[in-house]
Structure formats: C-alpha cells, structure tokens
Amino acid sequence: QKHYTQAWDEAKKKGYDMRADAIP
C-alpha cells in the first residue's frame, strides 16, 4: 500500500500548482 500511494503522497507534499491564468 505504501508503494501504491507513494506518488500521491509526494504530490500532496508539494502543494497545489495552479496557473496564473486559471479561471478561478
């Protein structure tokens, strides 16, 4: 389970990546 969710956990640590030209 650790290897299965490793990529998702690393992505959560980096935070959210939103472009400056996004609609919100």
PDB file of all heavy atoms in Angstrom:
ATOM      1  N   GLN A   1       0.828  -1.207   0.000  1.00  0.00           N
ATOM      2  CA  GLN A   1       0.000   0.000   0.000  1.00  0.00           C
ATOM      3  C   GLN A   1       0.866   1.262   0.000  1.00  0.00           C
ATOM      4  O   GLN A   1       0.490   2.292  -0.570  1.00  0.00           O
ATOM      5  CB  GLN A   1      -0.922  -0.015   1.239  1.00  0.00           C
ATOM      6  CG  GLN A   1      -1.891   1.155   1.322  1.00  0.00           C
ATOM      7  CD  GLN A   1      -2.956   1.082   0.251  1.00  0.00           C
ATOM      8  OE1 GLN A   1      -3.168   0.022  -0.340  1.00  0.00           O
ATOM      9  NE2 GLN A   1      -3.619   2.190  -0.029  1.00  0.00           N
ATOM     10  N   LYS A   2       2.037   1.165   0.626  1.00  0.00           N
ATOM     11  CA  LYS A   2       2.941   2.321   0.689  1.00  0.00           C
ATOM     12  C   LYS A   2       3.465   2.662  -0.702  1.00  0.00           C
ATOM     13  O   LYS A   2       3.474   3.841  -1.098  1.00  0.00           O
ATOM     14  CB  LYS A   2       4.101   2.023   1.637  1.00  0.00           C
ATOM     15  CG  LYS A   2       5.086   3.155   1.769  1.00  0.00           C
ATOM     16  CD  LYS A   2       6.203   2.799   2.744  1.00  0.00           C
ATOM     17  CE  LYS A   2       7.204   3.941   2.838  1.00  0.00           C
ATOM     18  NZ  LYS A   2       8.308   3.605   3.777  1.00  0.00           N
ATOM     19  N   HIS A   3       3.906   1.648  -1.459  1.00  0.00           N
ATOM     20  CA  HIS A   3       4.369   1.904  -2.819  1.00  0.00           C
ATOM     21  C   HIS A   3       3.221   2.325  -3.736  1.00  0.00           C
ATOM     22  O   HIS A   3       3.432   3.076  -4.693  1.00  0.00           O
ATOM     23  CB  HIS A   3       5.051   0.656  -3.390  1.00  0.00           C
ATOM     24  CG  HIS A   3       6.397   0.382  -2.793  1.00  0.00           C
ATOM     25  ND1 HIS A   3       6.551  -0.248  -1.562  1.00  0.00           N
ATOM     26  CD2 HIS A   3       7.646   0.680  -3.234  1.00  0.00           C
ATOM     27  CE1 HIS A   3       7.829  -0.346  -1.291  1.00  0.00           C
ATOM     28  NE2 HIS A   3       8.525   0.207  -2.273  1.00  0.00           N
ATOM     29  N   TYR A   4       2.023   1.841  -3.443  1.00  0.00           N
ATOM     30  CA  TYR A   4       0.877   2.188  -4.294  1.00  0.00           C
ATOM     31  C   TYR A   4       0.511   3.661  -4.176  1.00  0.00           C
ATOM     32  O   TYR A   4       0.129   4.307  -5.156  1.00  0.00           O
ATOM     33  CB  TYR A   4      -0.304   1.297  -3.904  1.00  0.00           C
ATOM     34  CG  TYR A   4      -1.557   1.574  -4.697  1.00  0.00           C
ATOM     35  CD1 TYR A   4      -1.647   1.205  -6.040  1.00  0.00           C
ATOM     36  CD2 TYR A   4      -2.644   2.201  -4.103  1.00  0.00           C
ATOM     37  CE1 TYR A   4      -2.796   1.461  -6.763  1.00  0.00           C
ATOM     38  CE2 TYR A   4      -3.792   2.461  -4.827  1.00  0.00           C
ATOM     39  CZ  TYR A   4      -3.872   2.080  -6.154  1.00  0.00           C
ATOM     40  OH  TYR A   4      -5.000   2.345  -6.866  1.00  0.00           O
ATOM     41  N   THR A   5       0.633   4.214  -2.965  1.00  0.00           N
ATOM     42  CA  THR A   5       0.259   5.619  -2.727  1.00  0.00           C
ATOM     43  C   THR A   5       1.465   6.528  -2.577  1.00  0.00           C
ATOM     44  O   THR A   5       1.324   7.649  -2.096  1.00  0.00           O
ATOM     45  CB  THR A   5      -0.604   5.714  -1.463  1.00  0.00           C
ATOM     46  OG1 THR A   5       0.155   5.200  -0.343  1.00  0.00           O
ATOM     47  CG2 THR A   5      -1.885   4.916  -1.609  1.00  0.00           C
ATOM     48  N   GLN A   6       2.651   6.056  -2.965  1.00  0.00           N
ATOM     49  CA  GLN A   6       3.860   6.875  -2.761  1.00  0.00           C
ATOM     50  C   GLN A   6       3.826   8.122  -3.645  1.00  0.00           C
ATOM     51  O   GLN A   6       4.128   9.232  -3.195  1.00  0.00           O
ATOM     52  CB  GLN A   6       5.107   6.041  -3.081  1.00  0.00           C
ATOM     53  CG  GLN A   6       6.415   6.796  -2.835  1.00  0.00           C
ATOM     54  CD  GLN A   6       7.625   5.925  -3.099  1.00  0.00           C
ATOM     55  OE1 GLN A   6       7.474   4.773  -3.530  1.00  0.00           O
ATOM     56  NE2 GLN A   6       8.792   6.445  -2.837  1.00  0.00           N
ATOM     57  N   ALA A   7       3.474   7.969  -4.928  1.00  0.00           N
ATOM     58  CA  ALA A   7       3.435   9.124  -5.826  1.00  0.00           C
ATOM     59  C   ALA A   7       2.396  10.148  -5.373  1.00  0.00           C
ATOM     60  O   ALA A   7       2.621  11.364  -5.431  1.00  0.00           O
ATOM     61  CB  ALA A   7       3.147   8.664  -7.258  1.00  0.00           C
ATOM     62  N   TRP A   8       1.251   9.669  -4.892  1.00  0.00           N
ATOM     63  CA  TRP A   8       0.201  10.583  -4.430  1.00  0.00           C
ATOM     64  C   TRP A   8       0.647  11.332  -3.180  1.00  0.00           C
ATOM     65  O   TRP A   8       0.380  12.533  -3.026  1.00  0.00           O
ATOM     66  CB  TRP A   8      -1.071   9.787  -4.169  1.00  0.00           C
ATOM     67  CG  TRP A   8      -2.133  10.543  -3.424  1.00  0.00           C
ATOM     68  CD1 TRP A   8      -2.663  10.238  -2.231  1.00  0.00           C
ATOM     69  CD2 TRP A   8      -2.783  11.741  -3.845  1.00  0.00           C
ATOM     70  NE1 TRP A   8      -3.596  11.146  -1.859  1.00  0.00           N
ATOM     71  CE2 TRP A   8      -3.702  12.097  -2.834  1.00  0.00           C
ATOM     72  CE3 TRP A   8      -2.693  12.562  -4.953  1.00  0.00           C
ATOM     73  CZ2 TRP A   8      -4.502  13.229  -2.914  1.00  0.00           C
ATOM     74  CZ3 TRP A   8      -3.491  13.689  -5.033  1.00  0.00           C
ATOM     75  CH2 TRP A   8      -4.390  14.013  -4.030  1.00  0.00           C
ATOM     76  N   ASP A   9       1.320  10.643  -2.266  1.00  0.00           N
ATOM     77  CA  ASP A   9       1.818  11.304  -1.049  1.00  0.00           C
ATOM     78  C   ASP A   9       2.860  12.367  -1.367  1.00  0.00           C
ATOM     79  O   ASP A   9       2.869  13.451  -0.770  1.00  0.00           O
ATOM     80  CB  ASP A   9       2.410  10.256  -0.091  1.00  0.00           C
ATOM     81  CG  ASP A   9       1.349   9.302   0.433  1.00  0.00           C
ATOM     82  OD1 ASP A   9       0.168   9.689   0.441  1.00  0.00           O
ATOM     83  OD2 ASP A   9       1.704   8.168   0.819  1.00  0.00           O
ATOM     84  N   GLU A  10       3.760  12.059  -2.312  1.00  0.00           N
ATOM     85  CA  GLU A  10       4.753  13.063  -2.692  1.00  0.00           C
ATOM     86  C   GLU A  10       4.106  14.265  -3.380  1.00  0.00           C
ATOM     87  O   GLU A  10       4.547  15.403  -3.196  1.00  0.00           O
ATOM     88  CB  GLU A  10       5.792  12.429  -3.619  1.00  0.00           C
ATOM     89  CG  GLU A  10       6.672  11.395  -2.932  1.00  0.00           C
ATOM     90  CD  GLU A  10       7.660  10.762  -3.882  1.00  0.00           C
ATOM     91  OE1 GLU A  10       7.585  11.100  -5.089  1.00  0.00           O
ATOM     92  OE2 GLU A  10       8.484   9.948  -3.443  1.00  0.00           O
ATOM     93  N   ALA A  11       3.069  14.019  -4.167  1.00  0.00           N
ATOM     94  CA  ALA A  11       2.378  15.135  -4.813  1.00  0.00           C
ATOM     95  C   ALA A  11       1.660  16.011  -3.790  1.00  0.00           C
ATOM     96  O   ALA A  11       1.578  17.227  -3.940  1.00  0.00           O
ATOM     97  CB  ALA A  11       1.389  14.598  -5.853  1.00  0.00           C
ATOM     98  N   LYS A  12       1.119  15.380  -2.730  1.00  0.00           N
ATOM     99  CA  LYS A  12       0.454  16.177  -1.685  1.00  0.00           C
ATOM    100  C   LYS A  12       1.440  17.041  -0.932  1.00  0.00           C
ATOM    101  O   LYS A  12       1.107  18.137  -0.481  1.00  0.00           O
ATOM    102  CB  LYS A  12      -0.275  15.238  -0.726  1.00  0.00           C
ATOM    103  CG  LYS A  12      -1.525  14.622  -1.297  1.00  0.00           C
ATOM    104  CD  LYS A  12      -2.376  13.977  -0.213  1.00  0.00           C
ATOM    105  CE  LYS A  12      -1.650  12.809   0.414  1.00  0.00           C
ATOM    106  NZ  LYS A  12      -2.485  12.117   1.412  1.00  0.00           N
ATOM    107  N   LYS A  13       2.681  16.552  -0.737  1.00  0.00           N
ATOM    108  CA  LYS A  13       3.680  17.350  -0.019  1.00  0.00           C
ATOM    109  C   LYS A  13       4.094  18.595  -0.797  1.00  0.00           C
ATOM    110  O   LYS A  13       4.462  19.601  -0.203  1.00  0.00           O
ATOM    111  CB  LYS A  13       4.912  16.498   0.261  1.00  0.00           C
ATOM    112  CG  LYS A  13       4.664  15.360   1.231  1.00  0.00           C
ATOM    113  CD  LYS A  13       5.922  14.536   1.421  1.00  0.00           C
ATOM    114  CE  LYS A  13       5.672  13.359   2.364  1.00  0.00           C
ATOM    115  NZ  LYS A  13       6.896  12.535   2.523  1.00  0.00           N
ATOM    116  N   LYS A  14       4.063  18.525  -2.126  1.00  0.00           N
ATOM    117  CA  LYS A  14       4.469  19.675  -2.935  1.00  0.00           C
ATOM    118  C   LYS A  14       3.423  20.782  -2.952  1.00  0.00           C
ATOM    119  O   LYS A  14       3.731  21.902  -3.345  1.00  0.00           O
ATOM    120  CB  LYS A  14       4.735  19.215  -4.368  1.00  0.00           C
ATOM    121  CG  LYS A  14       5.926  18.266  -4.485  1.00  0.00           C
ATOM    122  CD  LYS A  14       6.127  17.848  -5.927  1.00  0.00           C
ATOM    123  CE  LYS A  14       7.297  16.886  -6.048  1.00  0.00           C
ATOM    124  NZ  LYS A  14       7.493  16.443  -7.449  1.00  0.00           N
ATOM    125  N   GLY A  15       2.205  20.534  -2.531  1.00  0.00           N
ATOM    126  CA  GLY A  15       1.184  21.562  -2.531  1.00  0.00           C
ATOM    127  C   GLY A  15       0.443  21.598  -3.860  1.00  0.00           C
ATOM    128  O   GLY A  15       0.577  20.717  -4.718  1.00  0.00           O
ATOM    129  N   TYR A  16      -0.353  22.623  -4.039  1.00  0.00           N
ATOM    130  CA  TYR A  16      -1.181  22.770  -5.222  1.00  0.00           C
ATOM    131  C   TYR A  16      -0.463  23.638  -6.246  1.00  0.00           C
ATOM    132  O   TYR A  16       0.186  24.614  -5.903  1.00  0.00           O
ATOM    133  CB  TYR A  16      -2.530  23.388  -4.871  1.00  0.00           C
ATOM    134  CG  TYR A  16      -3.354  22.524  -3.956  1.00  0.00           C
ATOM    135  CD1 TYR A  16      -3.343  22.758  -2.588  1.00  0.00           C
ATOM    136  CD2 TYR A  16      -4.103  21.469  -4.457  1.00  0.00           C
ATOM    137  CE1 TYR A  16      -4.088  21.969  -1.728  1.00  0.00           C
ATOM    138  CE2 TYR A  16      -4.847  20.665  -3.606  1.00  0.00           C
ATOM    139  CZ  TYR A  16      -4.844  20.922  -2.244  1.00  0.00           C
ATOM    140  OH  TYR A  16      -5.574  20.147  -1.405  1.00  0.00           O
ATOM    141  N   ASP A  17      -0.582  23.288  -7.495  1.00  0.00           N
ATOM    142  CA  ASP A  17       0.047  24.017  -8.593  1.00  0.00           C
ATOM    143  C   ASP A  17      -1.062  24.540  -9.499  1.00  0.00           C
ATOM    144  O   ASP A  17      -1.663  23.795 -10.271  1.00  0.00           O
ATOM    145  CB  ASP A  17       0.987  23.093  -9.364  1.00  0.00           C
ATOM    146  CG  ASP A  17       1.715  23.842 -10.467  1.00  0.00           C
ATOM    147  OD1 ASP A  17       1.697  25.080 -10.419  1.00  0.00           O
ATOM    148  OD2 ASP A  17       2.274  23.183 -11.355  1.00  0.00           O
ATOM    149  N   MET A  18      -1.328  25.825  -9.339  1.00  0.00           N
ATOM    150  CA  MET A  18      -2.378  26.460 -10.148  1.00  0.00           C
ATOM    151  C   MET A  18      -1.744  27.536 -11.005  1.00  0.00           C
ATOM    152  O   MET A  18      -0.929  28.329 -10.532  1.00  0.00           O
ATOM    153  CB  MET A  18      -3.458  27.070  -9.253  1.00  0.00           C
ATOM    154  CG  MET A  18      -4.192  26.044  -8.411  1.00  0.00           C
ATOM    155  SD  MET A  18      -5.572  26.766  -7.519  1.00  0.00           S
ATOM    156  CE  MET A  18      -6.656  27.153  -8.862  1.00  0.00           C
ATOM    157  N   ARG A  19      -2.099  27.550 -12.257  1.00  0.00           N
ATOM    158  CA  ARG A  19      -1.544  28.549 -13.162  1.00  0.00           C
ATOM    159  C   ARG A  19      -2.128  29.925 -12.874  1.00  0.00           C
ATOM    160  O   ARG A  19      -3.226  30.067 -12.342  1.00  0.00           O
ATOM    161  CB  ARG A  19      -1.828  28.141 -14.602  1.00  0.00           C
ATOM    162  CG  ARG A  19      -1.152  26.821 -15.021  1.00  0.00           C
ATOM    163  CD  ARG A  19      -1.548  26.466 -16.433  1.00  0.00           C
ATOM    164  NE  ARG A  19      -3.010  26.278 -16.521  1.00  0.00           N
ATOM    165  CZ  ARG A  19      -3.655  26.087 -17.661  1.00  0.00           C
ATOM    166  NH1 ARG A  19      -2.988  26.055 -18.802  1.00  0.00           N
ATOM    167  NH2 ARG A  19      -4.962  25.927 -17.661  1.00  0.00           N
ATOM    168  N   ALA A  20      -1.352  30.925 -13.261  1.00  0.00           N
ATOM    169  CA  ALA A  20      -1.800  32.300 -13.006  1.00  0.00           C
ATOM    170  C   ALA A  20      -2.970  32.693 -13.896  1.00  0.00           C
ATOM    171  O   ALA A  20      -3.726  33.610 -13.554  1.00  0.00           O
ATOM    172  CB  ALA A  20      -0.635  33.274 -13.208  1.00  0.00           C
ATOM    173  N   ASP A  21      -3.123  32.007 -15.043  1.00  0.00           N
ATOM    174  CA  ASP A  21      -4.214  32.338 -15.955  1.00  0.00           C
ATOM    175  C   ASP A  21      -5.412  31.398 -15.805  1.00  0.00           C
ATOM    176  O   ASP A  21      -6.250  31.321 -16.707  1.00  0.00           O
ATOM    177  CB  ASP A  21      -3.713  32.307 -17.393  1.00  0.00           C
ATOM    178  CG  ASP A  21      -3.092  30.953 -17.738  1.00  0.00           C
ATOM    179  OD1 ASP A  21      -2.849  30.169 -16.805  1.00  0.00           O
ATOM    180  OD2 ASP A  21      -2.858  30.713 -18.944  1.00  0.00           O
ATOM    181  N   ALA A  22      -5.497  30.699 -14.676  1.00  0.00           N
ATOM    182  CA  ALA A  22      -6.657  29.828 -14.458  1.00  0.00           C
ATOM    183  C   ALA A  22      -7.917  30.673 -14.239  1.00  0.00           C
ATOM    184  O   ALA A  22      -7.847  31.831 -13.800  1.00  0.00           O
ATOM    185  CB  ALA A  22      -6.401  28.919 -13.258  1.00  0.00           C
ATOM    186  N   ILE A  23      -9.044  30.071 -14.557  1.00  0.00           N
ATOM    187  CA  ILE A  23     -10.308  30.821 -14.459  1.00  0.00           C
ATOM    188  C   ILE A  23     -10.614  31.224 -13.020  1.00  0.00           C
ATOM    189  O   ILE A  23     -10.999  32.378 -12.765  1.00  0.00           O
ATOM    190  CB  ILE A  23     -11.451  29.980 -15.067  1.00  0.00           C
ATOM    191  CG1 ILE A  23     -11.201  29.780 -16.568  1.00  0.00           C
ATOM    192  CG2 ILE A  23     -12.794  30.657 -14.827  1.00  0.00           C
ATOM    193  CD1 ILE A  23     -12.232  28.922 -17.257  1.00  0.00           C
ATOM    194  N   PRO A  24     -10.461  30.358 -11.998  1.00  0.00           N
ATOM    195  CA  PRO A  24     -10.718  30.821 -10.623  1.00  0.00           C
ATOM    196  C   PRO A  24      -9.788  31.946 -10.185  1.00  0.00           C
ATOM    197  O   PRO A  24     -10.217  32.882  -9.488  1.00  0.00           O
ATOM    198  CB  PRO A  24     -10.503  29.544  -9.794  1.00  0.00           C
ATOM    199  CG  PRO A  24     -10.701  28.420 -10.735  1.00  0.00           C
ATOM    200  CD  PRO A  24     -10.186  28.914 -12.036  1.00  0.00           C
TER     201      PRO A  24
END
